[in-house]
All heavy atoms as atom14 arrays in JSON, in Angstrom:
{
  "sequence": "WYDSTLKEEGFVLEWADSNNKNKFTTLKDPYDGKFYGVNSGDVEIS",
  "atom14_mask": [
    [1, 1, 1, 1, 1, 1, 1, 1, 1, 1, 1, 1, 1, 1],
    [1, 1, 1, 1, 1, 1, 1, 1, 1, 1, 1, 1, 0, 0],
    [1, 1, 1, 1, 1, 1, 1, 1, 0, 0, 0, 0, 0, 0],
    [1, 1, 1, 1, 1, 1, 0, 0, 0, 0, 0, 0, 0, 0],
    [1, 1, 1, 1, 1, 1, 1, 0, 0, 0, 0, 0, 0, 0],
    [1, 1, 1, 1, 1, 1, 1, 1, 0, 0, 0, 0, 0, 0],
    [1, 1, 1, 1, 1, 1, 1, 1, 1, 0, 0, 0, 0, 0],
    [1, 1, 1, 1, 1, 1, 1, 1, 1, 0, 0, 0, 0, 0],
    [1, 1, 1, 1, 1, 1, 1, 1, 1, 0, 0, 0, 0, 0],
    [1, 1, 1, 1, 0, 0, 0, 0, 0, 0, 0, 0, 0, 0],
    [1, 1, 1, 1, 1, 1, 1, 1, 1, 1, 1, 0, 0, 0],
    [1, 1, 1, 1, 1, 1, 1, 0, 0, 0, 0, 0, 0, 0],
    [1, 1, 1, 1, 1, 1, 1, 1, 0, 0, 0, 0, 0, 0],
    [1, 1, 1, 1, 1, 1, 1, 1, 1, 0, 0, 0, 0, 0],
    [1, 1, 1, 1, 1, 1, 1, 1, 1, 1, 1, 1, 1, 1],
    [1, 1, 1, 1, 1, 0, 0, 0, 0, 0, 0, 0, 0, 0],
    [1, 1, 1, 1, 1, 1, 1, 1, 0, 0, 0, 0, 0, 0],
    [1, 1, 1, 1, 1, 1, 0, 0, 0, 0, 0, 0, 0, 0],
    [1, 1, 1, 1, 1, 1, 1, 1, 0, 0, 0, 0, 0, 0],
    [1, 1, 1, 1, 1, 1, 1, 1, 0, 0, 0, 0, 0, 0],
    [1, 1, 1, 1, 1, 1, 1, 1, 1, 0, 0, 0, 0, 0],
    [1, 1, 1, 1, 1, 1, 1, 1, 0, 0, 0, 0, 0, 0],
    [1, 1, 1, 1, 1, 1, 1, 1, 1, 0, 0, 0, 0, 0],
    [1, 1, 1, 1, 1, 1, 1, 1, 1, 1, 1, 0, 0, 0],
    [1, 1, 1, 1, 1, 1, 1, 0, 0, 0, 0, 0, 0, 0],
    [1, 1, 1, 1, 1, 1, 1, 0, 0, 0, 0, 0, 0, 0],
    [1, 1, 1, 1, 1, 1, 1, 1, 0, 0, 0, 0, 0, 0],
    [1, 1, 1, 1, 1, 1, 1, 1, 1, 0, 0, 0, 0, 0],
    [1, 1, 1, 1, 1, 1, 1, 1, 0, 0, 0, 0, 0, 0],
    [1, 1, 1, 1, 1, 1, 1, 0, 0, 0, 0, 0, 0, 0],
    [1, 1, 1, 1, 1, 1, 1, 1, 1, 1, 1, 1, 0, 0],
    [1, 1, 1, 1, 1, 1, 1, 1, 0, 0, 0, 0, 0, 0],
    [1, 1, 1, 1, 0, 0, 0, 0, 0, 0, 0, 0, 0, 0],
    [1, 1, 1, 1, 1, 1, 1, 1, 1, 0, 0, 0, 0, 0],
    [1, 1, 1, 1, 1, 1, 1, 1, 1, 1, 1, 0, 0, 0],
    [1, 1, 1, 1, 1, 1, 1, 1, 1, 1, 1, 1, 0, 0],
    [1, 1, 1, 1, 0, 0, 0, 0, 0, 0, 0, 0, 0, 0],
    [1, 1, 1, 1, 1, 1, 1, 0, 0, 0, 0, 0, 0, 0],
    [1, 1, 1, 1, 1, 1, 1, 1, 0, 0, 0, 0, 0, 0],
    [1, 1, 1, 1, 1, 1, 0, 0, 0, 0, 0, 0, 0, 0],
    [1, 1, 1, 1, 0, 0, 0, 0, 0, 0, 0, 0, 0, 0],
    [1, 1, 1, 1, 1, 1, 1, 1, 0, 0, 0, 0, 0, 0],
    [1, 1, 1, 1, 1, 1, 1, 0, 0, 0, 0, 0, 0, 0],
    [1, 1, 1, 1, 1, 1, 1, 1, 1, 0, 0, 0, 0, 0],
    [1, 1, 1, 1, 1, 1, 1, 1, 0, 0, 0, 0, 0, 0],
    [1, 1, 1, 1, 1, 1, 0, 0, 0, 0, 0, 0, 0, 0]
  ],
  "atom14_positions": [
    [[337.3, 192.38, 107.91], [337.27, 193.16, 106.72], [338.72, 193.69, 106.39], [339.12, 193.68, 105.2], [336.31, 194.41, 106.87], [335.79, 194.87, 105.56], [336.03, 194.43, 104.32], [334.67, 195.82, 105.4], [335.2, 195.0, 103.43], [334.41, 195.93, 104.03], [333.94, 196.64, 106.29], [333.46, 196.79, 103.6], [332.99, 197.46, 105.88], [332.72, 197.52, 104.4]],
    [[339.48, 194.06, 107.35], [340.89, 194.41, 107.16], [341.72, 193.28, 106.56], [342.56, 193.47, 105.74], [341.53, 194.88, 108.54], [342.94, 195.33, 108.4], [343.38, 196.64, 108.19], [343.99, 194.35, 108.5], [344.56, 196.96, 108.08], [345.32, 194.83, 108.4], [345.75, 196.04, 108.21], [346.9, 196.45, 108.14], [0.0, 0.0, 0.0], [0.0, 0.0, 0.0]],
    [[341.49, 192.04, 107.19], [342.21, 190.91, 106.73], [341.73, 190.31, 105.43], [342.23, 189.24, 105.0], [342.26, 189.85, 107.9], [342.98, 190.39, 109.02], [343.97, 191.19, 108.86], [342.75, 189.87, 110.14], [0.0, 0.0, 0.0], [0.0, 0.0, 0.0], [0.0, 0.0, 0.0], [0.0, 0.0, 0.0], [0.0, 0.0, 0.0], [0.0, 0.0, 0.0]],
    [[340.52, 190.77, 104.89], [339.89, 190.22, 103.75], [339.44, 188.73, 104.03], [339.65, 187.76, 103.26], [340.77, 190.2, 102.49], [341.23, 191.51, 102.24], [0.0, 0.0, 0.0], [0.0, 0.0, 0.0], [0.0, 0.0, 0.0], [0.0, 0.0, 0.0], [0.0, 0.0, 0.0], [0.0, 0.0, 0.0], [0.0, 0.0, 0.0], [0.0, 0.0, 0.0]],
    [[338.9, 188.47, 105.21], [338.51, 187.09, 105.52], [337.02, 187.08, 106.02], [336.64, 186.34, 106.85], [339.36, 186.6, 106.76], [339.34, 187.52, 107.83], [340.77, 186.42, 106.35], [0.0, 0.0, 0.0], [0.0, 0.0, 0.0], [0.0, 0.0, 0.0], [0.0, 0.0, 0.0], [0.0, 0.0, 0.0], [0.0, 0.0, 0.0], [0.0, 0.0, 0.0]],
    [[336.2, 188.08, 105.55], [334.79, 188.11, 105.96], [334.06, 186.76, 105.76], [333.39, 186.33, 106.67], [334.11, 189.27, 105.25], [334.49, 190.74, 105.64], [333.98, 191.68, 104.73], [334.04, 191.0, 107.05], [0.0, 0.0, 0.0], [0.0, 0.0, 0.0], [0.0, 0.0, 0.0], [0.0, 0.0, 0.0], [0.0, 0.0, 0.0], [0.0, 0.0, 0.0]],
    [[334.18, 186.25, 104.54], [333.37, 184.96, 104.27], [333.86, 183.9, 105.16], [333.01, 183.13, 105.74], [333.52, 184.57, 102.78], [332.8, 183.47, 102.29], [332.94, 183.15, 100.97], [332.1, 181.87, 100.5], [332.19, 181.66, 98.98], [0.0, 0.0, 0.0], [0.0, 0.0, 0.0], [0.0, 0.0, 0.0], [0.0, 0.0, 0.0], [0.0, 0.0, 0.0]],
    [[335.21, 183.68, 105.31], [335.76, 182.71, 106.09], [335.35, 182.82, 107.57], [335.14, 181.78, 108.17], [337.3, 182.64, 106.01], [337.81, 182.31, 104.7], [337.85, 183.5, 103.61], [337.29, 184.58, 103.98], [338.4, 183.29, 102.59], [0.0, 0.0, 0.0], [0.0, 0.0, 0.0], [0.0, 0.0, 0.0], [0.0, 0.0, 0.0], [0.0, 0.0, 0.0]],
    [[335.22, 183.99, 108.06], [334.84, 184.19, 109.4], [333.36, 184.2, 109.67], [332.82, 184.26, 110.84], [335.42, 185.62, 109.9], [336.99, 185.62, 109.95], [337.47, 184.75, 111.09], [336.83, 184.51, 112.13], [338.58, 184.11, 110.66], [0.0, 0.0, 0.0], [0.0, 0.0, 0.0], [0.0, 0.0, 0.0], [0.0, 0.0, 0.0], [0.0, 0.0, 0.0]],
    [[332.56, 184.17, 108.57], [331.04, 183.92, 108.81], [330.25, 185.23, 108.64], [329.15, 185.28, 109.0], [0.0, 0.0, 0.0], [0.0, 0.0, 0.0], [0.0, 0.0, 0.0], [0.0, 0.0, 0.0], [0.0, 0.0, 0.0], [0.0, 0.0, 0.0], [0.0, 0.0, 0.0], [0.0, 0.0, 0.0], [0.0, 0.0, 0.0], [0.0, 0.0, 0.0]],
    [[330.87, 186.32, 108.07], [330.1, 187.6, 107.93], [329.49, 187.67, 106.49], [330.24, 187.44, 105.5], [331.05, 188.79, 108.2], [331.49, 188.89, 109.64], [332.62, 188.41, 110.07], [330.57, 189.4, 110.5], [333.11, 188.59, 111.33], [330.98, 189.51, 111.91], [332.21, 189.07, 112.31], [0.0, 0.0, 0.0], [0.0, 0.0, 0.0], [0.0, 0.0, 0.0]],
    [[328.28, 188.11, 106.47], [327.65, 188.44, 105.18], [327.15, 189.85, 105.23], [326.51, 190.26, 106.06], [326.34, 187.57, 104.88], [325.68, 187.84, 103.63], [326.75, 186.1, 104.85], [0.0, 0.0, 0.0], [0.0, 0.0, 0.0], [0.0, 0.0, 0.0], [0.0, 0.0, 0.0], [0.0, 0.0, 0.0], [0.0, 0.0, 0.0], [0.0, 0.0, 0.0]],
    [[327.44, 190.57, 104.14], [327.25, 192.05, 104.1], [326.13, 192.39, 103.05], [326.06, 191.83, 102.02], [328.56, 192.81, 103.75], [329.49, 193.14, 104.86], [330.05, 191.92, 105.5], [330.7, 193.99, 104.27], [0.0, 0.0, 0.0], [0.0, 0.0, 0.0], [0.0, 0.0, 0.0], [0.0, 0.0, 0.0], [0.0, 0.0, 0.0], [0.0, 0.0, 0.0]],
    [[325.27, 193.34, 103.44], [324.29, 193.76, 102.52], [324.25, 195.36, 102.75], [324.49, 195.88, 103.72], [322.91, 193.32, 102.91], [322.77, 191.8, 102.92], [321.5, 191.24, 103.45], [321.34, 191.19, 104.7], [320.57, 191.04, 102.75], [0.0, 0.0, 0.0], [0.0, 0.0, 0.0], [0.0, 0.0, 0.0], [0.0, 0.0, 0.0], [0.0, 0.0, 0.0]],
    [[324.01, 195.96, 101.6], [323.95, 197.41, 101.48], [322.57, 197.91, 101.21], [321.89, 197.46, 100.42], [324.88, 197.93, 100.36], [325.21, 199.29, 100.53], [324.92, 200.46, 99.9], [326.06, 199.89, 101.65], [325.43, 201.59, 100.39], [326.14, 201.28, 101.44], [326.76, 199.34, 102.64], [326.88, 202.08, 102.24], [327.56, 200.16, 103.61], [327.5, 201.59, 103.35]],
    [[322.21, 198.95, 101.94], [320.8, 199.51, 101.99], [320.64, 200.46, 100.7], [321.59, 201.16, 100.35], [320.44, 200.21, 103.22], [0.0, 0.0, 0.0], [0.0, 0.0, 0.0], [0.0, 0.0, 0.0], [0.0, 0.0, 0.0], [0.0, 0.0, 0.0], [0.0, 0.0, 0.0], [0.0, 0.0, 0.0], [0.0, 0.0, 0.0], [0.0, 0.0, 0.0]],
    [[319.41, 200.41, 100.17], [319.13, 201.33, 99.06], [319.19, 202.79, 99.6], [318.75, 203.07, 100.7], [317.71, 200.98, 98.45], [317.39, 201.81, 97.22], [317.19, 203.0, 97.36], [317.34, 201.16, 96.19], [0.0, 0.0, 0.0], [0.0, 0.0, 0.0], [0.0, 0.0, 0.0], [0.0, 0.0, 0.0], [0.0, 0.0, 0.0], [0.0, 0.0, 0.0]],
    [[319.77, 203.63, 98.77], [319.87, 205.06, 99.25], [318.56, 205.73, 99.54], [318.52, 206.58, 100.27], [320.76, 205.84, 98.22], [320.05, 205.82, 97.02], [0.0, 0.0, 0.0], [0.0, 0.0, 0.0], [0.0, 0.0, 0.0], [0.0, 0.0, 0.0], [0.0, 0.0, 0.0], [0.0, 0.0, 0.0], [0.0, 0.0, 0.0], [0.0, 0.0, 0.0]],
    [[317.48, 205.21, 98.77], [316.28, 205.81, 99.09], [315.3, 205.04, 99.93], [314.19, 205.5, 100.34], [315.52, 205.92, 97.59], [316.26, 206.85, 96.73], [316.74, 207.88, 97.13], [316.35, 206.36, 95.41], [0.0, 0.0, 0.0], [0.0, 0.0, 0.0], [0.0, 0.0, 0.0], [0.0, 0.0, 0.0], [0.0, 0.0, 0.0], [0.0, 0.0, 0.0]],
    [[315.72, 203.92, 100.28], [314.95, 202.96, 101.18], [315.92, 202.2, 102.05], [316.47, 201.14, 101.66], [314.08, 202.07, 100.43], [313.12, 201.25, 101.32], [313.21, 201.39, 102.62], [312.31, 200.47, 100.73], [0.0, 0.0, 0.0], [0.0, 0.0, 0.0], [0.0, 0.0, 0.0], [0.0, 0.0, 0.0], [0.0, 0.0, 0.0], [0.0, 0.0, 0.0]],
    [[316.13, 202.72, 103.33], [316.95, 201.99, 104.24], [316.64, 200.56, 104.57], [317.47, 199.85, 105.17], [317.29, 202.79, 105.51], [318.06, 204.05, 105.3], [318.36, 204.81, 106.59], [319.39, 205.99, 106.39], [319.68, 206.58, 107.64], [0.0, 0.0, 0.0], [0.0, 0.0, 0.0], [0.0, 0.0, 0.0], [0.0, 0.0, 0.0], [0.0, 0.0, 0.0]],
    [[315.42, 200.07, 104.33], [314.92, 198.8, 104.63], [315.0, 197.87, 103.51], [314.6, 196.7, 103.64], [313.49, 198.86, 105.17], [313.34, 199.7, 106.51], [314.13, 199.47, 107.37], [312.39, 200.6, 106.63], [0.0, 0.0, 0.0], [0.0, 0.0, 0.0], [0.0, 0.0, 0.0], [0.0, 0.0, 0.0], [0.0, 0.0, 0.0], [0.0, 0.0, 0.0]],
    [[315.52, 198.37, 102.38], [315.72, 197.51, 101.26], [317.17, 197.19, 101.0], [317.91, 198.19, 100.74], [315.11, 198.22, 99.98], [315.17, 197.34, 98.8], [314.59, 197.98, 97.5], [314.71, 197.21, 96.28], [314.16, 197.82, 95.07], [0.0, 0.0, 0.0], [0.0, 0.0, 0.0], [0.0, 0.0, 0.0], [0.0, 0.0, 0.0], [0.0, 0.0, 0.0]],
    [[317.64, 195.92, 101.12], [319.03, 195.54, 101.09], [319.46, 194.81, 99.89], [318.61, 193.99, 99.45], [319.43, 194.84, 102.43], [319.38, 195.69, 103.54], [318.2, 195.85, 104.37], [320.52, 196.5, 104.02], [318.23, 196.67, 105.49], [320.51, 197.22, 105.18], [319.3, 197.31, 105.9], [0.0, 0.0, 0.0], [0.0, 0.0, 0.0], [0.0, 0.0, 0.0]],
    [[320.64, 195.03, 99.49], [321.21, 194.21, 98.33], [322.58, 193.62, 98.85], [323.32, 194.2, 99.49], [321.49, 195.08, 97.16], [320.31, 195.61, 96.65], [322.04, 194.11, 95.95], [0.0, 0.0, 0.0], [0.0, 0.0, 0.0], [0.0, 0.0, 0.0], [0.0, 0.0, 0.0], [0.0, 0.0, 0.0], [0.0, 0.0, 0.0], [0.0, 0.0, 0.0]],
    [[322.81, 192.25, 98.57], [324.01, 191.63, 99.05], [325.21, 192.25, 98.42], [325.24, 192.53, 97.26], [323.93, 190.15, 98.68], [322.86, 189.61, 99.41], [325.21, 189.49, 99.15], [0.0, 0.0, 0.0], [0.0, 0.0, 0.0], [0.0, 0.0, 0.0], [0.0, 0.0, 0.0], [0.0, 0.0, 0.0], [0.0, 0.0, 0.0], [0.0, 0.0, 0.0]],
    [[326.28, 192.6, 99.25], [327.48, 193.11, 98.73], [328.31, 191.95, 98.39], [328.99, 191.27, 99.23], [328.09, 193.97, 99.9], [329.16, 195.07, 99.39], [328.42, 196.03, 98.58], [329.72, 195.62, 100.68], [0.0, 0.0, 0.0], [0.0, 0.0, 0.0], [0.0, 0.0, 0.0], [0.0, 0.0, 0.0], [0.0, 0.0, 0.0], [0.0, 0.0, 0.0]],
    [[328.31, 191.64, 97.07], [328.96, 190.3, 96.56], [330.48, 190.37, 96.79], [331.07, 189.39, 96.99], [328.58, 190.08, 95.14], [327.05, 189.76, 94.93], [326.72, 189.57, 93.49], [325.2, 189.2, 93.29], [324.9, 188.92, 91.87], [0.0, 0.0, 0.0], [0.0, 0.0, 0.0], [0.0, 0.0, 0.0], [0.0, 0.0, 0.0], [0.0, 0.0, 0.0]],
    [[331.04, 191.57, 96.49], [332.48, 191.61, 96.65], [332.82, 192.76, 97.61], [332.92, 193.96, 97.22], [333.19, 191.97, 95.26], [334.71, 192.0, 95.35], [335.25, 191.59, 96.45], [335.23, 192.33, 94.33], [0.0, 0.0, 0.0], [0.0, 0.0, 0.0], [0.0, 0.0, 0.0], [0.0, 0.0, 0.0], [0.0, 0.0, 0.0], [0.0, 0.0, 0.0]],
    [[333.06, 192.42, 98.93], [333.39, 193.47, 99.89], [334.72, 194.08, 99.67], [335.03, 195.01, 100.46], [333.35, 192.69, 101.25], [332.61, 191.36, 100.9], [332.96, 191.07, 99.49], [0.0, 0.0, 0.0], [0.0, 0.0, 0.0], [0.0, 0.0, 0.0], [0.0, 0.0, 0.0], [0.0, 0.0, 0.0], [0.0, 0.0, 0.0], [0.0, 0.0, 0.0]],
    [[335.58, 193.56, 98.7], [336.79, 194.05, 98.45], [336.91, 194.74, 97.12], [338.09, 194.81, 96.59], [337.88, 192.92, 98.69], [337.58, 192.0, 99.77], [337.07, 190.75, 99.54], [337.68, 192.45, 101.05], [336.82, 189.86, 100.67], [337.36, 191.6, 102.18], [337.0, 190.35, 101.91], [336.62, 189.56, 103.0], [0.0, 0.0, 0.0], [0.0, 0.0, 0.0]],
    [[335.86, 195.15, 96.65], [335.84, 195.84, 95.33], [336.62, 197.05, 95.4], [336.45, 197.9, 96.31], [334.41, 196.14, 94.95], [334.16, 196.65, 93.44], [335.03, 197.36, 93.08], [333.2, 196.24, 92.9], [0.0, 0.0, 0.0], [0.0, 0.0, 0.0], [0.0, 0.0, 0.0], [0.0, 0.0, 0.0], [0.0, 0.0, 0.0], [0.0, 0.0, 0.0]],
    [[337.46, 197.22, 94.38], [338.36, 198.38, 94.44], [337.77, 199.74, 94.35], [338.34, 200.76, 94.58], [0.0, 0.0, 0.0], [0.0, 0.0, 0.0], [0.0, 0.0, 0.0], [0.0, 0.0, 0.0], [0.0, 0.0, 0.0], [0.0, 0.0, 0.0], [0.0, 0.0, 0.0], [0.0, 0.0, 0.0], [0.0, 0.0, 0.0], [0.0, 0.0, 0.0]],
    [[336.39, 199.73, 93.97], [335.62, 200.99, 93.95], [335.49, 201.7, 95.37], [335.3, 202.88, 95.45], [334.23, 200.71, 93.34], [334.3, 200.35, 91.94], [332.82, 200.04, 91.47], [332.8, 199.48, 89.9], [331.48, 199.13, 89.5], [0.0, 0.0, 0.0], [0.0, 0.0, 0.0], [0.0, 0.0, 0.0], [0.0, 0.0, 0.0], [0.0, 0.0, 0.0]],
    [[335.51, 200.81, 96.4], [335.37, 201.33, 97.72], [336.25, 200.77, 98.8], [336.27, 201.13, 99.87], [333.89, 201.16, 98.27], [333.43, 199.72, 98.18], [333.68, 198.78, 99.11], [332.61, 199.31, 97.05], [333.2, 197.52, 99.09], [332.14, 198.04, 97.08], [332.45, 197.09, 97.98], [0.0, 0.0, 0.0], [0.0, 0.0, 0.0], [0.0, 0.0, 0.0]],
    [[337.11, 199.72, 98.27], [338.04, 199.1, 99.28], [339.49, 199.23, 98.68], [339.79, 198.83, 97.66], [337.69, 197.63, 99.34], [338.59, 196.8, 100.33], [338.06, 196.47, 101.57], [339.83, 196.24, 100.0], [338.73, 195.81, 102.45], [340.58, 195.55, 100.83], [340.05, 195.22, 102.17], [340.78, 194.51, 103.02], [0.0, 0.0, 0.0], [0.0, 0.0, 0.0]],
    [[340.2, 200.02, 99.49], [341.61, 200.26, 99.06], [342.62, 200.12, 100.24], [342.26, 200.26, 101.38], [0.0, 0.0, 0.0], [0.0, 0.0, 0.0], [0.0, 0.0, 0.0], [0.0, 0.0, 0.0], [0.0, 0.0, 0.0], [0.0, 0.0, 0.0], [0.0, 0.0, 0.0], [0.0, 0.0, 0.0], [0.0, 0.0, 0.0], [0.0, 0.0, 0.0]],
    [[343.71, 199.71, 99.84], [344.93, 199.68, 100.84], [345.94, 200.77, 100.66], [346.32, 200.97, 99.51], [345.65, 198.25, 100.77], [346.77, 198.16, 101.75], [344.61, 197.13, 100.9], [0.0, 0.0, 0.0], [0.0, 0.0, 0.0], [0.0, 0.0, 0.0], [0.0, 0.0, 0.0], [0.0, 0.0, 0.0], [0.0, 0.0, 0.0], [0.0, 0.0, 0.0]],
    [[346.15, 201.45, 101.73], [347.1, 202.67, 101.73], [348.06, 202.56, 102.83], [347.59, 202.91, 103.99], [346.28, 203.94, 101.64], [347.11, 205.22, 101.48], [348.25, 205.05, 101.1], [346.51, 206.33, 101.73], [0.0, 0.0, 0.0], [0.0, 0.0, 0.0], [0.0, 0.0, 0.0], [0.0, 0.0, 0.0], [0.0, 0.0, 0.0], [0.0, 0.0, 0.0]],
    [[349.32, 202.34, 102.54], [350.3, 202.37, 103.64], [349.95, 201.39, 104.81], [350.15, 201.8, 105.96], [350.53, 203.73, 104.21], [351.0, 204.66, 103.16], [0.0, 0.0, 0.0], [0.0, 0.0, 0.0], [0.0, 0.0, 0.0], [0.0, 0.0, 0.0], [0.0, 0.0, 0.0], [0.0, 0.0, 0.0], [0.0, 0.0, 0.0], [0.0, 0.0, 0.0]],
    [[349.37, 200.29, 104.44], [349.03, 199.28, 105.47], [347.64, 199.43, 106.06], [347.13, 198.61, 106.83], [0.0, 0.0, 0.0], [0.0, 0.0, 0.0], [0.0, 0.0, 0.0], [0.0, 0.0, 0.0], [0.0, 0.0, 0.0], [0.0, 0.0, 0.0], [0.0, 0.0, 0.0], [0.0, 0.0, 0.0], [0.0, 0.0, 0.0], [0.0, 0.0, 0.0]],
    [[347.01, 200.57, 105.85], [345.59, 200.83, 106.31], [344.61, 200.35, 105.2], [344.92, 200.49, 104.08], [345.41, 202.24, 106.75], [346.24, 202.68, 107.81], [346.75, 201.85, 108.57], [346.53, 203.95, 107.94], [0.0, 0.0, 0.0], [0.0, 0.0, 0.0], [0.0, 0.0, 0.0], [0.0, 0.0, 0.0], [0.0, 0.0, 0.0], [0.0, 0.0, 0.0]],
    [[343.41, 200.1, 105.61], [342.39, 199.76, 104.66], [341.31, 200.8, 104.72], [340.78, 201.24, 105.72], [341.66, 198.39, 105.03], [340.44, 198.18, 104.1], [342.58, 197.24, 104.67], [0.0, 0.0, 0.0], [0.0, 0.0, 0.0], [0.0, 0.0, 0.0], [0.0, 0.0, 0.0], [0.0, 0.0, 0.0], [0.0, 0.0, 0.0], [0.0, 0.0, 0.0]],
    [[341.07, 201.45, 103.49], [340.17, 202.57, 103.43], [338.88, 202.13, 102.71], [338.91, 201.5, 101.68], [340.8, 203.69, 102.64], [342.09, 204.31, 103.23], [342.64, 205.46, 102.5], [342.28, 205.63, 101.23], [343.64, 206.12, 103.02], [0.0, 0.0, 0.0], [0.0, 0.0, 0.0], [0.0, 0.0, 0.0], [0.0, 0.0, 0.0], [0.0, 0.0, 0.0]],
    [[337.78, 202.22, 103.56], [336.41, 201.88, 102.99], [335.62, 203.23, 102.7], [335.33, 204.0, 103.5], [335.65, 201.14, 104.16], [336.36, 199.95, 104.71], [334.26, 200.64, 103.46], [336.71, 198.93, 103.68], [0.0, 0.0, 0.0], [0.0, 0.0, 0.0], [0.0, 0.0, 0.0], [0.0, 0.0, 0.0], [0.0, 0.0, 0.0], [0.0, 0.0, 0.0]],
    [[335.51, 203.38, 101.38], [334.78, 204.6, 100.96], [333.33, 204.29, 100.65], [332.89, 204.41, 99.54], [335.48, 205.27, 99.78], [335.57, 204.25, 98.71], [0.0, 0.0, 0.0], [0.0, 0.0, 0.0], [0.0, 0.0, 0.0], [0.0, 0.0, 0.0], [0.0, 0.0, 0.0], [0.0, 0.0, 0.0], [0.0, 0.0, 0.0], [0.0, 0.0, 0.0]]
  ]
}
């Protein structure tokens, strides 16, 4: 995730519904700027 190589390394991410933890939606862009940011060399996942 830090290196932005999730797909190449074989990882698929899904996010659970806030009201139902057993209902998942594929996280199509794990590097979306809404929750993925780079700050002074660190990667912040919000």
